[in-house]
N, C-alpha and C. Protein backbone atom coordinates (compact mmCIF):
# COMPACT_ATOMS: atom_id res chain seq x y z
N MET A 1 -17.38 190.76 84.24
CA MET A 1 -17.23 189.32 84.03
C MET A 1 -15.81 188.91 84.38
N ILE A 2 -15.69 187.83 85.15
CA ILE A 2 -14.37 187.34 85.55
C ILE A 2 -13.80 186.47 84.46
N MET A 3 -12.59 186.80 84.01
CA MET A 3 -11.92 186.00 82.99
C MET A 3 -11.18 184.86 83.65
N SER A 4 -11.12 183.70 83.01
CA SER A 4 -10.49 182.53 83.59
C SER A 4 -9.26 182.07 82.83
N VAL A 5 -8.84 182.86 81.85
CA VAL A 5 -7.64 182.50 81.11
C VAL A 5 -6.43 182.71 82.00
N ALA A 6 -5.51 181.70 82.07
CA ALA A 6 -4.36 181.76 82.97
C ALA A 6 -3.56 183.03 82.75
N GLY A 7 -3.22 183.69 83.83
CA GLY A 7 -2.38 184.88 83.74
C GLY A 7 -3.15 186.16 83.62
N ARG A 8 -4.49 186.08 83.36
CA ARG A 8 -5.29 187.29 83.23
C ARG A 8 -6.01 187.59 84.54
N PRO A 9 -6.50 188.83 84.67
CA PRO A 9 -7.20 189.20 85.89
C PRO A 9 -8.33 188.23 86.20
N GLY A 10 -8.44 187.82 87.46
CA GLY A 10 -9.48 186.88 87.85
C GLY A 10 -9.04 185.44 87.82
N SER A 11 -7.91 185.13 87.22
CA SER A 11 -7.44 183.75 87.14
C SER A 11 -6.51 183.46 88.31
N PRO A 12 -6.41 182.18 88.72
CA PRO A 12 -5.47 181.83 89.79
C PRO A 12 -4.04 182.23 89.47
N ALA A 13 -3.63 182.02 88.22
CA ALA A 13 -2.27 182.38 87.83
C ALA A 13 -2.05 183.88 87.93
N GLY A 14 -3.08 184.65 87.57
CA GLY A 14 -2.96 186.10 87.66
C GLY A 14 -2.84 186.56 89.10
N HIS A 15 -3.62 185.94 89.98
CA HIS A 15 -3.56 186.29 91.41
C HIS A 15 -2.18 185.96 91.98
N ARG A 16 -1.66 184.79 91.64
CA ARG A 16 -0.33 184.39 92.13
C ARG A 16 0.75 185.34 91.64
N GLU A 17 0.63 185.74 90.40
CA GLU A 17 1.64 186.64 89.85
C GLU A 17 1.59 188.00 90.56
N ARG A 18 0.39 188.47 90.89
CA ARG A 18 0.27 189.73 91.62
C ARG A 18 0.90 189.60 93.01
N LEU A 19 0.69 188.46 93.65
CA LEU A 19 1.33 188.24 94.95
C LEU A 19 2.84 188.28 94.83
N ARG A 20 3.36 187.60 93.81
CA ARG A 20 4.82 187.57 93.60
C ARG A 20 5.36 188.97 93.36
N GLN A 21 4.66 189.74 92.55
CA GLN A 21 5.13 191.09 92.23
C GLN A 21 5.08 191.98 93.47
N ARG A 22 4.04 191.85 94.28
CA ARG A 22 3.97 192.62 95.52
C ARG A 22 5.13 192.26 96.44
N PHE A 23 5.43 190.97 96.52
CA PHE A 23 6.53 190.53 97.38
C PHE A 23 7.87 191.04 96.84
N LYS A 24 8.07 190.95 95.54
CA LYS A 24 9.33 191.40 94.94
C LYS A 24 9.53 192.90 95.17
N LYS A 25 8.44 193.65 95.15
CA LYS A 25 8.54 195.09 95.29
C LYS A 25 8.67 195.52 96.76
N GLY A 26 7.90 194.88 97.66
CA GLY A 26 7.84 195.37 99.03
C GLY A 26 8.31 194.39 100.09
N GLY A 27 8.74 193.18 99.69
CA GLY A 27 9.18 192.20 100.67
C GLY A 27 8.04 191.71 101.54
N ARG A 28 8.38 191.15 102.69
CA ARG A 28 7.34 190.56 103.53
C ARG A 28 6.34 191.58 104.05
N TYR A 29 6.75 192.85 104.14
CA TYR A 29 5.85 193.86 104.66
C TYR A 29 4.70 194.17 103.70
N ALA A 30 4.84 193.74 102.46
CA ALA A 30 3.79 193.98 101.47
C ALA A 30 2.69 192.92 101.53
N LEU A 31 2.91 191.85 102.30
CA LEU A 31 1.95 190.76 102.35
C LEU A 31 1.51 190.49 103.79
N ALA A 32 0.26 190.13 103.95
CA ALA A 32 -0.24 189.68 105.25
C ALA A 32 0.32 188.29 105.53
N ASP A 33 0.20 187.84 106.77
CA ASP A 33 0.74 186.53 107.12
C ASP A 33 0.15 185.41 106.26
N TYR A 34 -1.16 185.44 106.05
CA TYR A 34 -1.77 184.37 105.25
C TYR A 34 -1.28 184.44 103.80
N GLU A 35 -0.97 185.65 103.32
CA GLU A 35 -0.48 185.78 101.95
C GLU A 35 0.95 185.25 101.81
N LEU A 36 1.76 185.42 102.85
CA LEU A 36 3.11 184.83 102.83
C LEU A 36 3.01 183.31 102.71
N LEU A 37 2.15 182.70 103.52
CA LEU A 37 1.96 181.25 103.45
C LEU A 37 1.33 180.85 102.12
N GLU A 38 0.39 181.63 101.68
CA GLU A 38 -0.28 181.36 100.40
C GLU A 38 0.72 181.33 99.25
N LEU A 39 1.59 182.34 99.19
CA LEU A 39 2.60 182.41 98.14
C LEU A 39 3.59 181.27 98.27
N LEU A 40 4.00 180.96 99.47
CA LEU A 40 4.92 179.85 99.69
C LEU A 40 4.35 178.54 99.16
N LEU A 41 3.10 178.29 99.46
CA LEU A 41 2.48 177.02 99.07
C LEU A 41 2.29 176.89 97.55
N THR A 42 2.27 178.02 96.84
CA THR A 42 2.11 177.93 95.38
C THR A 42 3.28 177.19 94.73
N TYR A 43 4.42 177.14 95.39
CA TYR A 43 5.59 176.50 94.80
C TYR A 43 5.53 174.98 94.87
N VAL A 44 4.61 174.44 95.66
CA VAL A 44 4.44 172.98 95.68
C VAL A 44 3.01 172.57 95.34
N ILE A 45 2.11 173.54 95.22
CA ILE A 45 0.73 173.25 94.82
C ILE A 45 0.42 174.16 93.64
N PRO A 46 0.79 173.74 92.43
CA PRO A 46 0.74 174.65 91.28
C PRO A 46 -0.64 174.89 90.69
N ARG A 47 -1.61 174.03 90.94
CA ARG A 47 -2.90 174.15 90.23
C ARG A 47 -4.08 174.22 91.19
N ARG A 48 -3.88 174.82 92.32
CA ARG A 48 -4.96 174.93 93.29
C ARG A 48 -4.84 176.25 94.02
N ASP A 49 -5.99 176.82 94.37
CA ASP A 49 -6.00 178.05 95.15
C ASP A 49 -5.45 177.74 96.54
N THR A 50 -4.34 178.35 96.90
CA THR A 50 -3.70 178.04 98.18
C THR A 50 -4.13 178.99 99.31
N LYS A 51 -4.95 179.97 99.00
CA LYS A 51 -5.39 180.87 100.06
C LYS A 51 -6.18 180.15 101.15
N PRO A 52 -7.14 179.28 100.83
CA PRO A 52 -7.86 178.57 101.90
C PRO A 52 -6.93 177.71 102.76
N LEU A 53 -5.90 177.13 102.17
CA LEU A 53 -4.95 176.32 102.93
C LEU A 53 -4.17 177.20 103.91
N ALA A 54 -3.70 178.34 103.41
CA ALA A 54 -2.93 179.26 104.25
C ALA A 54 -3.78 179.75 105.42
N LYS A 55 -5.02 180.15 105.13
CA LYS A 55 -5.90 180.63 106.19
C LYS A 55 -6.27 179.50 107.15
N GLY A 56 -6.41 178.28 106.62
CA GLY A 56 -6.71 177.13 107.48
C GLY A 56 -5.58 176.83 108.44
N LEU A 57 -4.34 176.94 107.97
CA LEU A 57 -3.18 176.73 108.84
C LEU A 57 -3.12 177.77 109.95
N LEU A 58 -3.35 179.02 109.60
CA LEU A 58 -3.31 180.09 110.60
C LEU A 58 -4.48 179.99 111.58
N ARG A 59 -5.63 179.60 111.07
CA ARG A 59 -6.79 179.47 111.95
C ARG A 59 -6.58 178.34 112.96
N ARG A 60 -6.02 177.24 112.50
CA ARG A 60 -5.81 176.09 113.37
C ARG A 60 -4.69 176.33 114.38
N HIS A 61 -3.59 177.00 113.94
CA HIS A 61 -2.42 177.14 114.80
C HIS A 61 -2.22 178.56 115.32
N ARG A 62 -3.11 179.47 114.98
CA ARG A 62 -3.26 180.79 115.61
C ARG A 62 -2.25 181.84 115.22
N SER A 63 -1.06 181.47 114.76
CA SER A 63 -0.09 182.49 114.37
C SER A 63 0.88 181.94 113.33
N PHE A 64 1.55 182.84 112.62
CA PHE A 64 2.53 182.44 111.62
C PHE A 64 3.67 181.67 112.28
N ASN A 65 4.12 182.17 113.42
CA ASN A 65 5.19 181.52 114.16
C ASN A 65 4.81 180.10 114.54
N SER A 66 3.59 179.92 115.02
CA SER A 66 3.13 178.60 115.45
C SER A 66 3.03 177.63 114.28
N VAL A 67 2.62 178.11 113.12
CA VAL A 67 2.55 177.25 111.94
C VAL A 67 3.92 176.66 111.63
N LEU A 68 4.95 177.50 111.63
CA LEU A 68 6.30 177.03 111.33
C LEU A 68 6.85 176.11 112.41
N ASN A 69 6.29 176.15 113.59
CA ASN A 69 6.77 175.31 114.68
C ASN A 69 6.12 173.93 114.73
N GLN A 70 5.11 173.70 113.89
CA GLN A 70 4.36 172.45 113.98
C GLN A 70 5.10 171.27 113.36
N PRO A 71 4.93 170.08 113.93
CA PRO A 71 5.47 168.87 113.29
C PRO A 71 4.65 168.51 112.06
N LYS A 72 5.17 167.64 111.25
CA LYS A 72 4.58 167.26 109.98
C LYS A 72 3.13 166.81 110.10
N GLU A 73 2.86 165.95 111.09
CA GLU A 73 1.51 165.39 111.20
C GLU A 73 0.47 166.44 111.55
N LYS A 74 0.85 167.46 112.31
CA LYS A 74 -0.11 168.51 112.65
C LYS A 74 -0.34 169.46 111.48
N LEU A 75 0.67 169.68 110.67
CA LEU A 75 0.49 170.48 109.46
C LEU A 75 -0.48 169.79 108.51
N GLU A 76 -0.29 168.49 108.36
CA GLU A 76 -1.11 167.72 107.42
C GLU A 76 -2.51 167.45 107.94
N ALA A 77 -2.78 167.81 109.20
CA ALA A 77 -4.13 167.67 109.74
C ALA A 77 -5.07 168.71 109.12
N VAL A 78 -4.51 169.75 108.51
CA VAL A 78 -5.32 170.73 107.79
C VAL A 78 -5.64 170.17 106.41
N ASP A 79 -6.90 170.09 106.09
CA ASP A 79 -7.35 169.49 104.84
C ASP A 79 -6.70 170.17 103.64
N GLY A 80 -6.06 169.37 102.78
CA GLY A 80 -5.41 169.90 101.58
C GLY A 80 -3.92 170.08 101.72
N VAL A 81 -3.41 170.05 102.95
CA VAL A 81 -1.97 170.16 103.16
C VAL A 81 -1.38 168.75 103.15
N GLY A 82 -0.67 168.42 102.09
CA GLY A 82 -0.10 167.09 101.93
C GLY A 82 1.39 167.04 102.21
N ASP A 83 2.00 165.97 101.76
CA ASP A 83 3.41 165.72 102.06
C ASP A 83 4.32 166.83 101.51
N LYS A 84 4.09 167.25 100.27
CA LYS A 84 4.97 168.25 99.68
C LYS A 84 4.87 169.60 100.40
N ALA A 85 3.65 169.99 100.75
CA ALA A 85 3.45 171.28 101.43
C ALA A 85 4.06 171.25 102.83
N SER A 86 3.81 170.18 103.57
CA SER A 86 4.35 170.10 104.93
C SER A 86 5.87 170.02 104.91
N THR A 87 6.42 169.31 103.92
CA THR A 87 7.87 169.21 103.81
C THR A 87 8.49 170.57 103.50
N LEU A 88 7.83 171.35 102.66
CA LEU A 88 8.34 172.69 102.34
C LEU A 88 8.36 173.57 103.58
N ILE A 89 7.30 173.53 104.38
CA ILE A 89 7.25 174.34 105.60
C ILE A 89 8.34 173.91 106.56
N LEU A 90 8.55 172.60 106.71
CA LEU A 90 9.61 172.11 107.58
C LEU A 90 10.99 172.52 107.05
N LEU A 91 11.14 172.53 105.74
CA LEU A 91 12.40 172.95 105.13
C LEU A 91 12.68 174.43 105.42
N ILE A 92 11.65 175.26 105.30
CA ILE A 92 11.81 176.69 105.59
C ILE A 92 12.25 176.87 107.04
N ARG A 93 11.61 176.13 107.94
CA ARG A 93 11.99 176.23 109.36
C ARG A 93 13.44 175.80 109.57
N SER A 94 13.85 174.72 108.92
CA SER A 94 15.23 174.25 109.06
C SER A 94 16.22 175.27 108.52
N CYS A 95 15.86 175.96 107.45
CA CYS A 95 16.72 177.02 106.91
C CYS A 95 16.86 178.17 107.91
N ILE A 96 15.75 178.52 108.58
CA ILE A 96 15.81 179.57 109.59
C ILE A 96 16.73 179.16 110.73
N GLU A 97 16.57 177.90 111.18
CA GLU A 97 17.42 177.40 112.26
C GLU A 97 18.90 177.45 111.88
N ARG A 98 19.19 177.03 110.65
CA ARG A 98 20.59 177.02 110.21
C ARG A 98 21.14 178.44 110.09
N TYR A 99 20.33 179.36 109.64
CA TYR A 99 20.72 180.76 109.54
C TYR A 99 21.12 181.30 110.92
N LEU A 100 20.28 181.05 111.92
CA LEU A 100 20.56 181.51 113.27
C LEU A 100 21.74 180.77 113.88
N GLU A 101 21.81 179.47 113.62
CA GLU A 101 22.89 178.65 114.15
C GLU A 101 24.25 179.12 113.65
N GLN A 102 24.33 179.42 112.36
CA GLN A 102 25.61 179.84 111.81
C GLN A 102 26.05 181.20 112.37
N GLY A 103 25.07 182.05 112.68
CA GLY A 103 25.40 183.32 113.31
C GLY A 103 26.05 183.12 114.68
N VAL A 104 25.55 182.12 115.42
CA VAL A 104 26.13 181.79 116.73
C VAL A 104 27.52 181.19 116.54
N GLU A 105 27.67 180.28 115.59
CA GLU A 105 28.95 179.61 115.36
C GLU A 105 30.05 180.59 114.97
N ARG A 106 29.68 181.66 114.28
CA ARG A 106 30.69 182.62 113.80
C ARG A 106 31.01 183.72 114.80
N ARG A 107 30.29 183.76 115.90
CA ARG A 107 30.58 184.78 116.89
C ARG A 107 31.97 184.58 117.50
N LYS A 108 32.70 185.66 117.63
CA LYS A 108 34.01 185.57 118.26
C LYS A 108 33.90 185.35 119.76
N ARG A 109 32.77 185.78 120.31
CA ARG A 109 32.61 185.67 121.76
C ARG A 109 31.12 185.70 122.11
N ILE A 110 30.70 184.82 123.00
CA ILE A 110 29.34 184.85 123.52
C ILE A 110 29.42 185.44 124.92
N SER A 111 29.06 186.69 125.03
CA SER A 111 29.25 187.39 126.31
C SER A 111 28.00 187.42 127.17
N SER A 112 26.85 187.03 126.60
CA SER A 112 25.62 187.02 127.40
C SER A 112 24.61 186.07 126.75
N PRO A 113 23.66 185.55 127.53
CA PRO A 113 22.64 184.65 126.96
C PRO A 113 21.81 185.32 125.87
N GLN A 114 21.61 186.63 125.99
CA GLN A 114 20.79 187.33 124.99
C GLN A 114 21.34 187.19 123.58
N GLU A 115 22.65 186.98 123.45
CA GLU A 115 23.27 186.91 122.13
C GLU A 115 22.94 185.62 121.39
N VAL A 116 22.46 184.62 122.10
CA VAL A 116 22.14 183.34 121.44
C VAL A 116 20.68 182.95 121.63
N ILE A 117 19.88 183.83 122.24
CA ILE A 117 18.54 183.44 122.64
C ILE A 117 17.63 183.14 121.45
N HIS A 118 17.77 183.87 120.35
CA HIS A 118 16.92 183.63 119.18
C HIS A 118 17.19 182.24 118.60
N PHE A 119 18.45 181.87 118.55
CA PHE A 119 18.81 180.54 118.07
C PHE A 119 18.26 179.47 119.00
N LEU A 120 18.40 179.66 120.30
CA LEU A 120 17.95 178.65 121.27
C LEU A 120 16.44 178.47 121.23
N ARG A 121 15.71 179.56 121.11
CA ARG A 121 14.25 179.45 121.02
C ARG A 121 13.82 178.74 119.76
N ALA A 122 14.51 179.02 118.65
CA ALA A 122 14.17 178.36 117.39
C ALA A 122 14.55 176.89 117.41
N ARG A 123 15.72 176.59 117.97
CA ARG A 123 16.24 175.21 117.92
C ARG A 123 15.62 174.32 118.97
N VAL A 124 15.39 174.85 120.18
CA VAL A 124 14.93 174.02 121.29
C VAL A 124 13.51 174.39 121.74
N GLY A 125 13.21 175.68 121.76
CA GLY A 125 11.93 176.13 122.28
C GLY A 125 10.73 175.60 121.54
N ALA A 126 10.89 175.33 120.25
CA ALA A 126 9.76 174.87 119.44
C ALA A 126 9.60 173.35 119.43
N GLN A 127 10.48 172.63 120.10
CA GLN A 127 10.38 171.18 120.12
C GLN A 127 9.09 170.73 120.81
N GLN A 128 8.47 169.68 120.28
CA GLN A 128 7.23 169.17 120.86
C GLN A 128 7.46 168.33 122.10
N ARG A 129 8.67 167.79 122.23
CA ARG A 129 9.03 167.02 123.42
C ARG A 129 10.14 167.75 124.18
N GLU A 130 10.20 167.50 125.48
CA GLU A 130 11.23 168.15 126.27
C GLU A 130 12.59 167.57 125.91
N CYS A 131 13.57 168.43 125.75
CA CYS A 131 14.91 167.98 125.41
C CYS A 131 15.94 168.89 126.07
N LEU A 132 17.16 168.40 126.12
CA LEU A 132 18.23 169.16 126.75
C LEU A 132 19.37 169.33 125.76
N MET A 133 19.81 170.57 125.60
CA MET A 133 20.87 170.91 124.67
C MET A 133 22.05 171.49 125.44
N ALA A 134 23.24 171.24 124.98
CA ALA A 134 24.44 171.79 125.60
C ALA A 134 25.25 172.58 124.59
N LEU A 135 25.73 173.75 125.00
CA LEU A 135 26.64 174.56 124.21
C LEU A 135 27.98 174.58 124.95
N TYR A 136 29.04 174.23 124.24
CA TYR A 136 30.37 174.14 124.84
C TYR A 136 31.25 175.26 124.30
N LEU A 137 31.90 176.00 125.21
CA LEU A 137 32.70 177.16 124.83
C LEU A 137 34.14 177.00 125.31
N ASN A 138 35.04 177.76 124.64
CA ASN A 138 36.44 177.74 125.06
C ASN A 138 36.70 178.89 126.03
N ASP A 139 37.98 179.12 126.34
CA ASP A 139 38.35 180.17 127.31
C ASP A 139 37.89 181.56 126.88
N SER A 140 37.77 181.77 125.58
CA SER A 140 37.35 183.07 125.06
C SER A 140 35.83 183.16 124.89
N ASN A 141 35.11 182.17 125.40
CA ASN A 141 33.65 182.08 125.27
C ASN A 141 33.21 181.98 123.81
N ARG A 142 34.04 181.36 123.00
CA ARG A 142 33.66 181.09 121.62
C ARG A 142 33.13 179.66 121.53
N LEU A 143 32.06 179.49 120.76
CA LEU A 143 31.42 178.19 120.67
C LEU A 143 32.32 177.17 119.99
N ARG A 144 32.52 176.04 120.66
CA ARG A 144 33.29 174.94 120.10
C ARG A 144 32.39 173.83 119.57
N HIS A 145 31.27 173.61 120.25
CA HIS A 145 30.40 172.49 119.87
C HIS A 145 29.03 172.70 120.52
N HIS A 146 28.00 172.20 119.89
CA HIS A 146 26.68 172.19 120.52
C HIS A 146 25.94 170.95 120.07
N ALA A 147 25.09 170.43 120.94
CA ALA A 147 24.39 169.19 120.61
C ALA A 147 23.18 169.00 121.51
N ILE A 148 22.15 168.33 120.97
CA ILE A 148 21.04 167.86 121.79
C ILE A 148 21.55 166.63 122.54
N VAL A 149 21.55 166.69 123.85
CA VAL A 149 22.11 165.61 124.66
C VAL A 149 21.07 164.53 124.95
N THR A 150 19.86 164.96 125.29
CA THR A 150 18.79 163.99 125.56
C THR A 150 17.47 164.51 125.02
N GLU A 151 16.56 163.60 124.69
CA GLU A 151 15.19 163.92 124.31
C GLU A 151 14.26 163.05 125.12
N GLY A 152 13.14 163.63 125.57
CA GLY A 152 12.22 162.88 126.42
C GLY A 152 10.79 162.92 125.94
N THR A 153 9.88 163.16 126.88
CA THR A 153 8.45 163.20 126.59
C THR A 153 8.00 164.65 126.57
N VAL A 154 6.69 164.84 126.56
CA VAL A 154 6.16 166.20 126.48
C VAL A 154 6.47 167.03 127.72
N ASN A 155 6.75 166.38 128.85
CA ASN A 155 7.01 167.15 130.08
C ASN A 155 8.16 166.62 130.91
N ARG A 156 9.02 165.78 130.32
CA ARG A 156 10.12 165.22 131.09
C ARG A 156 11.25 164.77 130.16
N THR A 157 12.48 164.98 130.58
CA THR A 157 13.62 164.44 129.85
C THR A 157 14.67 163.97 130.85
N ALA A 158 15.47 163.03 130.43
CA ALA A 158 16.50 162.49 131.32
C ALA A 158 17.63 163.49 131.50
N PHE A 159 18.31 163.39 132.61
CA PHE A 159 19.42 164.29 132.93
C PHE A 159 20.62 163.44 133.32
N TYR A 160 21.64 163.48 132.46
CA TYR A 160 22.84 162.69 132.68
C TYR A 160 24.06 163.61 132.75
N PRO A 161 24.41 164.09 133.95
CA PRO A 161 25.56 164.99 134.07
C PRO A 161 26.83 164.40 133.46
N ARG A 162 27.04 163.11 133.63
CA ARG A 162 28.27 162.49 133.12
C ARG A 162 28.38 162.64 131.61
N GLU A 163 27.26 162.44 130.89
CA GLU A 163 27.29 162.55 129.43
C GLU A 163 27.52 164.00 129.00
N ILE A 164 26.89 164.94 129.69
CA ILE A 164 27.08 166.36 129.37
C ILE A 164 28.55 166.75 129.55
N ILE A 165 29.13 166.32 130.66
CA ILE A 165 30.53 166.65 130.96
C ILE A 165 31.47 165.93 130.00
N ARG A 166 31.15 164.68 129.68
CA ARG A 166 32.02 163.91 128.77
C ARG A 166 32.16 164.60 127.42
N GLN A 167 31.04 165.07 126.87
CA GLN A 167 31.11 165.75 125.58
C GLN A 167 31.91 167.05 125.67
N GLY A 168 31.78 167.75 126.81
CA GLY A 168 32.54 168.98 126.98
C GLY A 168 34.03 168.73 127.03
N LEU A 169 34.45 167.70 127.76
CA LEU A 169 35.87 167.37 127.85
C LEU A 169 36.43 166.89 126.52
N SER A 170 35.59 166.18 125.75
CA SER A 170 36.06 165.65 124.47
C SER A 170 36.34 166.74 123.45
N CYS A 171 35.73 167.91 123.60
CA CYS A 171 35.99 169.02 122.67
C CYS A 171 36.82 170.12 123.32
N ASN A 172 37.44 169.79 124.46
CA ASN A 172 38.33 170.73 125.16
C ASN A 172 37.64 172.02 125.55
N ALA A 173 36.38 171.91 125.94
CA ALA A 173 35.64 173.10 126.37
C ALA A 173 36.00 173.46 127.81
N THR A 174 35.87 174.72 128.13
CA THR A 174 36.05 175.17 129.51
C THR A 174 34.79 175.84 130.05
N GLY A 175 33.86 176.13 129.16
CA GLY A 175 32.59 176.75 129.56
C GLY A 175 31.42 175.97 129.01
N LEU A 176 30.29 176.04 129.71
CA LEU A 176 29.13 175.23 129.34
C LEU A 176 27.85 176.02 129.59
N ILE A 177 26.95 175.99 128.61
CA ILE A 177 25.60 176.51 128.78
C ILE A 177 24.65 175.36 128.47
N ILE A 178 23.76 175.05 129.39
CA ILE A 178 22.76 174.03 129.08
C ILE A 178 21.40 174.71 128.88
N VAL A 179 20.60 174.10 128.02
CA VAL A 179 19.31 174.66 127.64
C VAL A 179 18.30 173.53 127.61
N HIS A 180 17.14 173.75 128.22
CA HIS A 180 16.06 172.78 128.01
C HIS A 180 14.74 173.53 127.86
N ASN A 181 13.80 172.87 127.26
CA ASN A 181 12.53 173.50 126.91
C ASN A 181 11.39 173.01 127.79
N HIS A 182 10.36 173.84 127.87
CA HIS A 182 9.09 173.47 128.51
C HIS A 182 8.03 173.53 127.41
N PRO A 183 7.78 172.42 126.71
CA PRO A 183 6.89 172.46 125.54
C PRO A 183 5.48 172.96 125.83
N GLU A 184 4.94 172.66 127.00
CA GLU A 184 3.56 173.05 127.28
C GLU A 184 3.45 173.96 128.50
N GLY A 185 4.52 174.65 128.82
CA GLY A 185 4.49 175.49 130.01
C GLY A 185 5.19 176.81 129.81
N GLN A 186 5.47 177.47 130.91
CA GLN A 186 6.18 178.75 130.89
C GLN A 186 7.67 178.52 131.14
N ALA A 187 8.46 179.50 130.79
CA ALA A 187 9.91 179.39 130.96
C ALA A 187 10.31 179.76 132.38
N ILE A 188 9.72 179.05 133.33
CA ILE A 188 10.01 179.28 134.74
C ILE A 188 10.57 177.99 135.32
N PRO A 189 11.68 178.03 136.04
CA PRO A 189 12.31 176.81 136.53
C PRO A 189 11.52 176.16 137.66
N SER A 190 11.49 174.83 137.64
CA SER A 190 10.91 174.07 138.75
C SER A 190 12.00 173.83 139.78
N ASP A 191 11.61 173.31 140.93
CA ASP A 191 12.61 172.95 141.95
C ASP A 191 13.58 171.91 141.39
N GLN A 192 13.07 171.02 140.56
CA GLN A 192 13.92 170.00 139.95
C GLN A 192 14.93 170.62 139.00
N ASP A 193 14.51 171.64 138.26
CA ASP A 193 15.44 172.34 137.35
C ASP A 193 16.57 173.01 138.13
N LEU A 194 16.23 173.61 139.26
CA LEU A 194 17.24 174.27 140.09
C LEU A 194 18.21 173.26 140.69
N GLU A 195 17.68 172.12 141.10
CA GLU A 195 18.53 171.08 141.67
C GLU A 195 19.46 170.49 140.60
N MET A 196 18.92 170.32 139.39
CA MET A 196 19.73 169.82 138.28
C MET A 196 20.89 170.77 137.99
N THR A 197 20.62 172.06 138.04
CA THR A 197 21.66 173.07 137.80
C THR A 197 22.77 172.95 138.84
N ARG A 198 22.36 172.84 140.10
CA ARG A 198 23.33 172.75 141.18
C ARG A 198 24.21 171.52 141.06
N LYS A 199 23.60 170.37 140.76
CA LYS A 199 24.34 169.12 140.66
C LYS A 199 25.34 169.16 139.50
N LEU A 200 24.90 169.70 138.37
CA LEU A 200 25.80 169.76 137.21
C LEU A 200 26.97 170.71 137.48
N GLU A 201 26.68 171.83 138.09
CA GLU A 201 27.75 172.80 138.38
C GLU A 201 28.78 172.18 139.32
N GLU A 202 28.33 171.46 140.35
CA GLU A 202 29.24 170.84 141.31
C GLU A 202 30.07 169.73 140.67
N ALA A 203 29.45 168.97 139.73
CA ALA A 203 30.17 167.87 139.09
C ALA A 203 31.16 168.37 138.06
N ALA A 204 30.84 169.47 137.37
CA ALA A 204 31.68 169.95 136.27
C ALA A 204 32.88 170.77 136.76
N ALA A 205 32.71 171.53 137.83
CA ALA A 205 33.75 172.45 138.28
C ALA A 205 35.10 171.79 138.56
N PRO A 206 35.18 170.65 139.27
CA PRO A 206 36.48 170.03 139.53
C PRO A 206 37.21 169.59 138.27
N LEU A 207 36.48 169.45 137.16
CA LEU A 207 37.08 169.01 135.90
C LEU A 207 37.42 170.18 134.99
N GLY A 208 37.32 171.40 135.52
CA GLY A 208 37.69 172.58 134.74
C GLY A 208 36.62 173.03 133.77
N LEU A 209 35.38 172.63 134.00
CA LEU A 209 34.28 173.00 133.11
C LEU A 209 33.30 173.88 133.89
N ARG A 210 33.21 175.15 133.53
CA ARG A 210 32.36 176.11 134.24
C ARG A 210 30.95 176.11 133.64
N LEU A 211 29.95 175.97 134.50
CA LEU A 211 28.56 176.11 134.05
C LEU A 211 28.22 177.60 134.02
N LEU A 212 28.13 178.15 132.82
CA LEU A 212 27.90 179.59 132.67
C LEU A 212 26.43 179.96 132.85
N ASP A 213 25.54 179.05 132.44
CA ASP A 213 24.12 179.33 132.61
C ASP A 213 23.30 178.08 132.30
N HIS A 214 22.10 178.08 132.81
CA HIS A 214 21.08 177.09 132.47
C HIS A 214 19.87 177.89 132.02
N ILE A 215 19.51 177.74 130.76
CA ILE A 215 18.44 178.54 130.17
C ILE A 215 17.24 177.65 129.87
N ILE A 216 16.07 178.11 130.27
CA ILE A 216 14.82 177.40 129.96
C ILE A 216 14.11 178.20 128.88
N VAL A 217 13.65 177.51 127.84
CA VAL A 217 13.02 178.20 126.72
C VAL A 217 11.67 177.60 126.39
N THR A 218 10.81 178.45 125.84
CA THR A 218 9.56 178.03 125.20
C THR A 218 9.58 178.65 123.81
N ARG A 219 8.49 178.55 123.11
CA ARG A 219 8.44 179.17 121.78
C ARG A 219 8.54 180.68 121.86
N LEU A 220 8.09 181.26 122.98
CA LEU A 220 7.96 182.71 123.05
C LEU A 220 8.88 183.40 124.05
N GLU A 221 9.47 182.65 124.97
CA GLU A 221 10.27 183.32 125.99
C GLU A 221 11.40 182.44 126.47
N ALA A 222 12.27 183.04 127.28
CA ALA A 222 13.41 182.31 127.83
C ALA A 222 13.72 182.84 129.21
N TYR A 223 14.26 181.96 130.05
CA TYR A 223 14.58 182.31 131.43
C TYR A 223 15.99 181.86 131.75
N SER A 224 16.78 182.77 132.31
CA SER A 224 18.14 182.46 132.74
C SER A 224 18.15 182.16 134.23
N ILE A 225 18.54 180.94 134.57
CA ILE A 225 18.62 180.58 135.98
C ILE A 225 19.74 181.35 136.67
N LYS A 226 20.84 181.57 135.99
CA LYS A 226 21.95 182.34 136.58
C LYS A 226 21.55 183.77 136.88
N LYS A 227 20.83 184.39 135.96
CA LYS A 227 20.39 185.77 136.16
C LYS A 227 19.14 185.85 137.03
N GLY A 228 18.38 184.75 137.06
CA GLY A 228 17.14 184.74 137.82
C GLY A 228 16.07 185.60 137.23
N GLU A 229 16.01 185.65 135.88
CA GLU A 229 15.03 186.53 135.24
C GLU A 229 14.73 186.07 133.82
N LEU A 230 13.58 186.54 133.31
CA LEU A 230 13.24 186.32 131.90
C LEU A 230 14.16 187.16 131.03
N LEU A 231 14.55 186.59 129.89
CA LEU A 231 15.44 187.30 128.98
C LEU A 231 14.64 188.00 127.89
């Protein structure tokens, strides 16, 4: 017979407590992906079984990574996922971004695109609309500033070399890495992407600003135009 007293075997509270104890003992490796989401959602949905919600999110978006990449409205399209649950998931994602971002900011030197690729994929690759980000470095290749320069549609964003260069000069940068995403495609440059790279490099060089790379990112991969290869 299943007991329904809170905290006892068979009760929702008992199941949640077992999940918590498994996580405390073994970390994320002790839980399946749906269980990680299930446990997370218990903190904003205290009186409901969150397992169906967790499984619904994974079924709809196919992977744990994809769930965390979704905008608010797509998370809430899963029945039972409301404002508090979607906000918590977005908050977790923002914490991950900040964790990776601070690692880049504290680096004494960025010597290759691979050293910042996880941050770039998290910050730009998961965007639902195409956008362009710039990283500005000093003579020692240390990050001085980074910013989203433009945001566009699902497959197009504006390109303003003057604005990119202006921000670099304003922070006394000497090196520049630009990054843009392909929300619904592969991290392979188009002819337009290659032409954009050439124009920016030619415009920036006379002003003492070196274009170190142009990186294209998606949720899963990245491509370096300078290296001519996937990273």
